[in-house]
Amino acid sequence: MARAKFTVEGPRWAGLGTVVREAAFLLDLDLSLQHKKHLIWETVFGTVTGDDEKILRFSKWLEEAIKDYNG
């Protein structure tokens, strides 16, 4: 079992929590999320737990998604 922690910031309309939940669900990972909401921004703090390979796939996906979003 592996565990990875992450923090992501973005506009509230982007639905960060929903996207991260769906990715964790598709990879069959256990997920713990906390949100800190601001006027137009939100910060999502999370921890995923599961198989080493799946954690690595989730981490790479999250990194690529952030790069893609930021252009």
PDB file of N, CA and C in Angstrom:
ATOM      1  N   MET A   1       0.828  -1.187   0.000  1.00  0.00           N
ATOM      2  CA  MET A   1       0.000   0.000   0.000  1.00  0.00           C
ATOM      3  C   MET A   1       0.867   1.244   0.000  1.00  0.00           C
ATOM      4  N   ALA A   2       0.542   2.150  -0.857  1.00  0.00           N
ATOM      5  CA  ALA A   2       1.260   3.418  -0.945  1.00  0.00           C
ATOM      6  C   ALA A   2       0.292   4.553  -0.637  1.00  0.00           C
ATOM      7  N   ARG A   3       0.869   5.689  -0.320  1.00  0.00           N
ATOM      8  CA  ARG A   3       0.061   6.863  -0.009  1.00  0.00           C
ATOM      9  C   ARG A   3       0.724   8.080  -0.631  1.00  0.00           C
ATOM     10  N   ALA A   4      -0.087   8.967  -1.203  1.00  0.00           N
ATOM     11  CA  ALA A   4       0.431  10.209  -1.772  1.00  0.00           C
ATOM     12  C   ALA A   4      -0.474  11.354  -1.334  1.00  0.00           C
ATOM     13  N   LYS A   5       0.160  12.455  -0.953  1.00  0.00           N
ATOM     14  CA  LYS A   5      -0.586  13.658  -0.580  1.00  0.00           C
ATOM     15  C   LYS A   5      -0.419  14.693  -1.681  1.00  0.00           C
ATOM     16  N   PHE A   6      -1.448  15.524  -1.867  1.00  0.00           N
ATOM     17  CA  PHE A   6      -1.380  16.555  -2.895  1.00  0.00           C
ATOM     18  C   PHE A   6      -2.186  17.777  -2.471  1.00  0.00           C
ATOM     19  N   THR A   7      -1.850  18.902  -3.072  1.00  0.00           N
ATOM     20  CA  THR A   7      -2.576  20.149  -2.892  1.00  0.00           C
ATOM     21  C   THR A   7      -2.729  20.777  -4.270  1.00  0.00           C
ATOM     22  N   VAL A   8      -3.961  21.178  -4.603  1.00  0.00           N
ATOM     23  CA  VAL A   8      -4.232  21.783  -5.899  1.00  0.00           C
ATOM     24  C   VAL A   8      -5.057  23.040  -5.676  1.00  0.00           C
ATOM     25  N   GLU A   9      -4.680  24.121  -6.361  1.00  0.00           N
ATOM     26  CA  GLU A   9      -5.454  25.355  -6.308  1.00  0.00           C
ATOM     27  C   GLU A   9      -5.984  25.669  -7.689  1.00  0.00           C
ATOM     28  N   GLY A  10      -7.167  26.252  -7.725  1.00  0.00           N
ATOM     29  CA  GLY A  10      -7.741  26.644  -9.000  1.00  0.00           C
ATOM     30  C   GLY A  10      -9.043  27.378  -8.794  1.00  0.00           C
ATOM     31  N   PRO A  11      -9.631  27.860  -9.890  1.00  0.00           N
ATOM     32  CA  PRO A  11     -10.901  28.559  -9.784  1.00  0.00           C
ATOM     33  C   PRO A  11     -12.010  27.605  -9.329  1.00  0.00           C
ATOM     34  N   ARG A  12     -12.959  28.130  -8.572  1.00  0.00           N
ATOM     35  CA  ARG A  12     -14.031  27.277  -8.049  1.00  0.00           C
ATOM     36  C   ARG A  12     -14.839  26.629  -9.153  1.00  0.00           C
ATOM     37  N   TRP A  13     -15.008  27.326 -10.280  1.00  0.00           N
ATOM     38  CA  TRP A  13     -15.824  26.785 -11.358  1.00  0.00           C
ATOM     39  C   TRP A  13     -15.170  25.579 -12.024  1.00  0.00           C
ATOM     40  N   ALA A  14     -13.878  25.342 -11.794  1.00  0.00           N
ATOM     41  CA  ALA A  14     -13.179  24.216 -12.434  1.00  0.00           C
ATOM     42  C   ALA A  14     -13.593  22.864 -11.850  1.00  0.00           C
ATOM     43  N   GLY A  15     -14.153  22.851 -10.658  1.00  0.00           N
ATOM     44  CA  GLY A  15     -14.615  21.597 -10.063  1.00  0.00           C
ATOM     45  C   GLY A  15     -13.494  20.635  -9.734  1.00  0.00           C
ATOM     46  N   LEU A  16     -12.459  21.139  -9.097  1.00  0.00           N
ATOM     47  CA  LEU A  16     -11.283  20.314  -8.803  1.00  0.00           C
ATOM     48  C   LEU A  16     -11.622  19.066  -8.002  1.00  0.00           C
ATOM     49  N   GLY A  17     -12.437  19.218  -6.987  1.00  0.00           N
ATOM     50  CA  GLY A  17     -12.793  18.083  -6.144  1.00  0.00           C
ATOM     51  C   GLY A  17     -13.470  16.969  -6.917  1.00  0.00           C
ATOM     52  N   THR A  18     -14.370  17.342  -7.804  1.00  0.00           N
ATOM     53  CA  THR A  18     -15.095  16.355  -8.606  1.00  0.00           C
ATOM     54  C   THR A  18     -14.154  15.602  -9.537  1.00  0.00           C
ATOM     55  N   VAL A  19     -13.268  16.328 -10.185  1.00  0.00           N
ATOM     56  CA  VAL A  19     -12.328  15.709 -11.125  1.00  0.00           C
ATOM     57  C   VAL A  19     -11.400  14.740 -10.394  1.00  0.00           C
ATOM     58  N   VAL A  20     -10.887  15.158  -9.239  1.00  0.00           N
ATOM     59  CA  VAL A  20      -9.981  14.300  -8.472  1.00  0.00           C
ATOM     60  C   VAL A  20     -10.720  13.068  -7.958  1.00  0.00           C
ATOM     61  N   ARG A  21     -11.967  13.240  -7.502  1.00  0.00           N
ATOM     62  CA  ARG A  21     -12.765  12.092  -7.030  1.00  0.00           C
ATOM     63  C   ARG A  21     -12.959  11.071  -8.146  1.00  0.00           C
ATOM     64  N   GLU A  22     -13.298  11.542  -9.341  1.00  0.00           N
ATOM     65  CA  GLU A  22     -13.531  10.636 -10.458  1.00  0.00           C
ATOM     66  C   GLU A  22     -12.258   9.886 -10.847  1.00  0.00           C
ATOM     67  N   ALA A  23     -11.126  10.584 -10.855  1.00  0.00           N
ATOM     68  CA  ALA A  23      -9.860   9.924 -11.195  1.00  0.00           C
ATOM     69  C   ALA A  23      -9.509   8.856 -10.164  1.00  0.00           C
ATOM     70  N   ALA A  24      -9.680   9.178  -8.896  1.00  0.00           N
ATOM     71  CA  ALA A  24      -9.391   8.198  -7.835  1.00  0.00           C
ATOM     72  C   ALA A  24     -10.347   7.007  -7.933  1.00  0.00           C
ATOM     73  N   PHE A  25     -11.609   7.264  -8.237  1.00  0.00           N
ATOM     74  CA  PHE A  25     -12.592   6.190  -8.377  1.00  0.00           C
ATOM     75  C   PHE A  25     -12.220   5.267  -9.534  1.00  0.00           C
ATOM     76  N   LEU A  26     -11.862   5.855 -10.670  1.00  0.00           N
ATOM     77  CA  LEU A  26     -11.509   5.045 -11.841  1.00  0.00           C
ATOM     78  C   LEU A  26     -10.265   4.192 -11.603  1.00  0.00           C
ATOM     79  N   LEU A  27      -9.357   4.671 -10.764  1.00  0.00           N
ATOM     80  CA  LEU A  27      -8.147   3.907 -10.456  1.00  0.00           C
ATOM     81  C   LEU A  27      -8.315   3.039  -9.221  1.00  0.00           C
ATOM     82  N   ASP A  28      -9.496   3.033  -8.631  1.00  0.00           N
ATOM     83  CA  ASP A  28      -9.803   2.229  -7.449  1.00  0.00           C
ATOM     84  C   ASP A  28      -8.869   2.569  -6.282  1.00  0.00           C
ATOM     85  N   LEU A  29      -8.760   3.878  -6.003  1.00  0.00           N
ATOM     86  CA  LEU A  29      -7.936   4.362  -4.903  1.00  0.00           C
ATOM     87  C   LEU A  29      -8.828   4.903  -3.792  1.00  0.00           C
ATOM     88  N   ASP A  30      -8.372   4.787  -2.563  1.00  0.00           N
ATOM     89  CA  ASP A  30      -9.070   5.416  -1.447  1.00  0.00           C
ATOM     90  C   ASP A  30      -8.655   6.880  -1.423  1.00  0.00           C
ATOM     91  N   LEU A  31      -9.628   7.758  -1.223  1.00  0.00           N
ATOM     92  CA  LEU A  31      -9.376   9.192  -1.314  1.00  0.00           C
ATOM     93  C   LEU A  31      -9.929   9.913  -0.105  1.00  0.00           C
ATOM     94  N   SER A  32      -9.153  10.846   0.399  1.00  0.00           N
ATOM     95  CA  SER A  32      -9.584  11.737   1.465  1.00  0.00           C
ATOM     96  C   SER A  32      -9.363  13.161   0.968  1.00  0.00           C
ATOM     97  N   LEU A  33     -10.423  13.979   0.967  1.00  0.00           N
ATOM     98  CA  LEU A  33     -10.335  15.348   0.449  1.00  0.00           C
ATOM     99  C   LEU A  33     -10.786  16.366   1.480  1.00  0.00           C
ATOM    100  N   GLN A  34     -10.163  17.521   1.427  1.00  0.00           N
ATOM    101  CA  GLN A  34     -10.594  18.678   2.192  1.00  0.00           C
ATOM    102  C   GLN A  34     -10.548  19.868   1.259  1.00  0.00           C
ATOM    103  N   HIS A  35     -11.535  20.764   1.390  1.00  0.00           N
ATOM    104  CA  HIS A  35     -11.617  21.955   0.550  1.00  0.00           C
ATOM    105  C   HIS A  35     -11.474  23.201   1.412  1.00  0.00           C
ATOM    106  N   LYS A  36     -10.795  24.166   0.874  1.00  0.00           N
ATOM    107  CA  LYS A  36     -10.768  25.500   1.468  1.00  0.00           C
ATOM    108  C   LYS A  36     -11.224  26.434   0.362  1.00  0.00           C
ATOM    109  N   LYS A  37     -12.437  26.989   0.527  1.00  0.00           N
ATOM    110  CA  LYS A  37     -13.017  27.802  -0.528  1.00  0.00           C
ATOM    111  C   LYS A  37     -12.859  29.285  -0.227  1.00  0.00           C
ATOM    112  N   HIS A  38     -12.465  29.993  -1.266  1.00  0.00           N
ATOM    113  CA  HIS A  38     -12.339  31.441  -1.218  1.00  0.00           C
ATOM    114  C   HIS A  38     -13.394  32.017  -2.159  1.00  0.00           C
ATOM    115  N   LEU A  39     -13.377  33.303  -2.359  1.00  0.00           N
ATOM    116  CA  LEU A  39     -14.391  33.943  -3.193  1.00  0.00           C
ATOM    117  C   LEU A  39     -14.456  33.333  -4.592  1.00  0.00           C
ATOM    118  N   ILE A  40     -13.344  33.295  -5.295  1.00  0.00           N
ATOM    119  CA  ILE A  40     -13.350  32.711  -6.642  1.00  0.00           C
ATOM    120  C   ILE A  40     -12.379  31.541  -6.786  1.00  0.00           C
ATOM    121  N   TRP A  41     -11.553  31.279  -5.766  1.00  0.00           N
ATOM    122  CA  TRP A  41     -10.585  30.198  -5.809  1.00  0.00           C
ATOM    123  C   TRP A  41     -10.909  29.144  -4.769  1.00  0.00           C
ATOM    124  N   GLU A  42     -10.423  27.959  -4.983  1.00  0.00           N
ATOM    125  CA  GLU A  42     -10.506  26.928  -3.959  1.00  0.00           C
ATOM    126  C   GLU A  42      -9.189  26.167  -3.909  1.00  0.00           C
ATOM    127  N   THR A  43      -8.889  25.658  -2.754  1.00  0.00           N
ATOM    128  CA  THR A  43      -7.715  24.826  -2.555  1.00  0.00           C
ATOM    129  C   THR A  43      -8.210  23.451  -2.118  1.00  0.00           C
ATOM    130  N   VAL A  44      -7.726  22.422  -2.787  1.00  0.00           N
ATOM    131  CA  VAL A  44      -8.115  21.054  -2.472  1.00  0.00           C
ATOM    132  C   VAL A  44      -6.881  20.345  -1.914  1.00  0.00           C
ATOM    133  N   PHE A  45      -7.013  19.840  -0.696  1.00  0.00           N
ATOM    134  CA  PHE A  45      -5.965  19.060  -0.052  1.00  0.00           C
ATOM    135  C   PHE A  45      -6.432  17.612  -0.071  1.00  0.00           C
ATOM    136  N   GLY A  46      -5.585  16.706  -0.491  1.00  0.00           N
ATOM    137  CA  GLY A  46      -6.022  15.326  -0.563  1.00  0.00           C
ATOM    138  C   GLY A  46      -4.937  14.321  -0.293  1.00  0.00           C
ATOM    139  N   THR A  47      -5.395  13.105  -0.011  1.00  0.00           N
ATOM    140  CA  THR A  47      -4.520  11.955   0.175  1.00  0.00           C
ATOM    141  C   THR A  47      -5.159  10.775  -0.546  1.00  0.00           C
ATOM    142  N   VAL A  48      -4.374  10.094  -1.358  1.00  0.00           N
ATOM    143  CA  VAL A  48      -4.840   8.871  -2.008  1.00  0.00           C
ATOM    144  C   VAL A  48      -4.025   7.707  -1.480  1.00  0.00           C
ATOM    145  N   THR A  49      -4.690   6.585  -1.297  1.00  0.00           N
ATOM    146  CA  THR A  49      -4.052   5.380  -0.778  1.00  0.00           C
ATOM    147  C   THR A  49      -4.436   4.207  -1.668  1.00  0.00           C
ATOM    148  N   GLY A  50      -3.454   3.365  -1.978  1.00  0.00           N
ATOM    149  CA  GLY A  50      -3.739   2.195  -2.800  1.00  0.00           C
ATOM    150  C   GLY A  50      -2.468   1.556  -3.312  1.00  0.00           C
ATOM    151  N   ASP A  51      -2.605   0.821  -4.381  1.00  0.00           N
ATOM    152  CA  ASP A  51      -1.516   0.109  -5.024  1.00  0.00           C
ATOM    153  C   ASP A  51      -0.454   1.099  -5.531  1.00  0.00           C
ATOM    154  N   ASP A  52       0.814   0.729  -5.418  1.00  0.00           N
ATOM    155  CA  ASP A  52       1.924   1.602  -5.836  1.00  0.00           C
ATOM    156  C   ASP A  52       1.777   2.081  -7.282  1.00  0.00           C
ATOM    157  N   GLU A  53       1.471   1.154  -8.177  1.00  0.00           N
ATOM    158  CA  GLU A  53       1.346   1.494  -9.595  1.00  0.00           C
ATOM    159  C   GLU A  53       0.201   2.476  -9.835  1.00  0.00           C
ATOM    160  N   LYS A  54      -0.911   2.268  -9.169  1.00  0.00           N
ATOM    161  CA  LYS A  54      -2.061   3.156  -9.330  1.00  0.00           C
ATOM    162  C   LYS A  54      -1.791   4.545  -8.760  1.00  0.00           C
ATOM    163  N   ILE A  55      -1.070   4.593  -7.639  1.00  0.00           N
ATOM    164  CA  ILE A  55      -0.687   5.887  -7.062  1.00  0.00           C
ATOM    165  C   ILE A  55       0.199   6.645  -8.039  1.00  0.00           C
ATOM    166  N   LEU A  56       1.133   5.951  -8.655  1.00  0.00           N
ATOM    167  CA  LEU A  56       2.013   6.574  -9.635  1.00  0.00           C
ATOM    168  C   LEU A  56       1.222   7.092 -10.831  1.00  0.00           C
ATOM    169  N   ARG A  57       0.281   6.298 -11.324  1.00  0.00           N
ATOM    170  CA  ARG A  57      -0.574   6.740 -12.441  1.00  0.00           C
ATOM    171  C   ARG A  57      -1.391   7.953 -12.061  1.00  0.00           C
ATOM    172  N   PHE A  58      -1.947   7.964 -10.847  1.00  0.00           N
ATOM    173  CA  PHE A  58      -2.735   9.107 -10.375  1.00  0.00           C
ATOM    174  C   PHE A  58      -1.857  10.356 -10.289  1.00  0.00           C
ATOM    175  N   SER A  59      -0.668  10.218  -9.730  1.00  0.00           N
ATOM    176  CA  SER A  59       0.242  11.360  -9.577  1.00  0.00           C
ATOM    177  C   SER A  59       0.643  11.935 -10.929  1.00  0.00           C
ATOM    178  N   LYS A  60       0.966  11.067 -11.869  1.00  0.00           N
ATOM    179  CA  LYS A  60       1.330  11.534 -13.214  1.00  0.00           C
ATOM    180  C   LYS A  60       0.143  12.198 -13.895  1.00  0.00           C
ATOM    181  N   TRP A  61      -1.043  11.617 -13.757  1.00  0.00           N
ATOM    182  CA  TRP A  61      -2.237  12.204 -14.347  1.00  0.00           C
ATOM    183  C   TRP A  61      -2.487  13.601 -13.776  1.00  0.00           C
ATOM    184  N   LEU A  62      -2.390  13.736 -12.459  1.00  0.00           N
ATOM    185  CA  LEU A  62      -2.635  15.027 -11.812  1.00  0.00           C
ATOM    186  C   LEU A  62      -1.621  16.067 -12.288  1.00  0.00           C
ATOM    187  N   GLU A  63      -0.370  15.678 -12.369  1.00  0.00           N
ATOM    188  CA  GLU A  63       0.672  16.593 -12.844  1.00  0.00           C
ATOM    189  C   GLU A  63       0.402  17.034 -14.284  1.00  0.00           C
ATOM    190  N   GLU A  64       0.056  16.092 -15.150  1.00  0.00           N
ATOM    191  CA  GLU A  64      -0.238  16.405 -16.553  1.00  0.00           C
ATOM    192  C   GLU A  64      -1.490  17.278 -16.686  1.00  0.00           C
ATOM    193  N   ALA A  65      -2.504  16.996 -15.871  1.00  0.00           N
ATOM    194  CA  ALA A  65      -3.744  17.791 -15.927  1.00  0.00           C
ATOM    195  C   ALA A  65      -3.478  19.239 -15.528  1.00  0.00           C
ATOM    196  N   ILE A  66      -2.638  19.435 -14.536  1.00  0.00           N
ATOM    197  CA  ILE A  66      -2.308  20.799 -14.103  1.00  0.00           C
ATOM    198  C   ILE A  66      -1.503  21.518 -15.183  1.00  0.00           C
ATOM    199  N   LYS A  67      -0.529  20.829 -15.780  1.00  0.00           N
ATOM    200  CA  LYS A  67       0.260  21.421 -16.867  1.00  0.00           C
ATOM    201  C   LYS A  67      -0.632  21.793 -18.041  1.00  0.00           C
ATOM    202  N   ASP A  68      -1.544  20.902 -18.394  1.00  0.00           N
ATOM    203  CA  ASP A  68      -2.453  21.144 -19.518  1.00  0.00           C
ATOM    204  C   ASP A  68      -3.359  22.338 -19.238  1.00  0.00           C
ATOM    205  N   TYR A  69      -3.872  22.422 -18.030  1.00  0.00           N
ATOM    206  CA  TYR A  69      -4.775  23.521 -17.659  1.00  0.00           C
ATOM    207  C   TYR A  69      -4.039  24.863 -17.689  1.00  0.00           C
ATOM    208  N   ASN A  70      -2.799  24.874 -17.191  1.00  0.00           N
ATOM    209  CA  ASN A  70      -2.032  26.118 -17.138  1.00  0.00           C
ATOM    210  C   ASN A  70      -1.461  26.544 -18.484  1.00  0.00           C
ATOM    211  N   GLY A  71      -1.534  25.661 -19.452  1.00  0.00           N
ATOM    212  CA  GLY A  71      -1.105  25.989 -20.800  1.00  0.00           C
ATOM    213  C   GLY A  71       0.330  25.859 -20.965  1.00  0.00           C
TER     214      GLY A  71
END
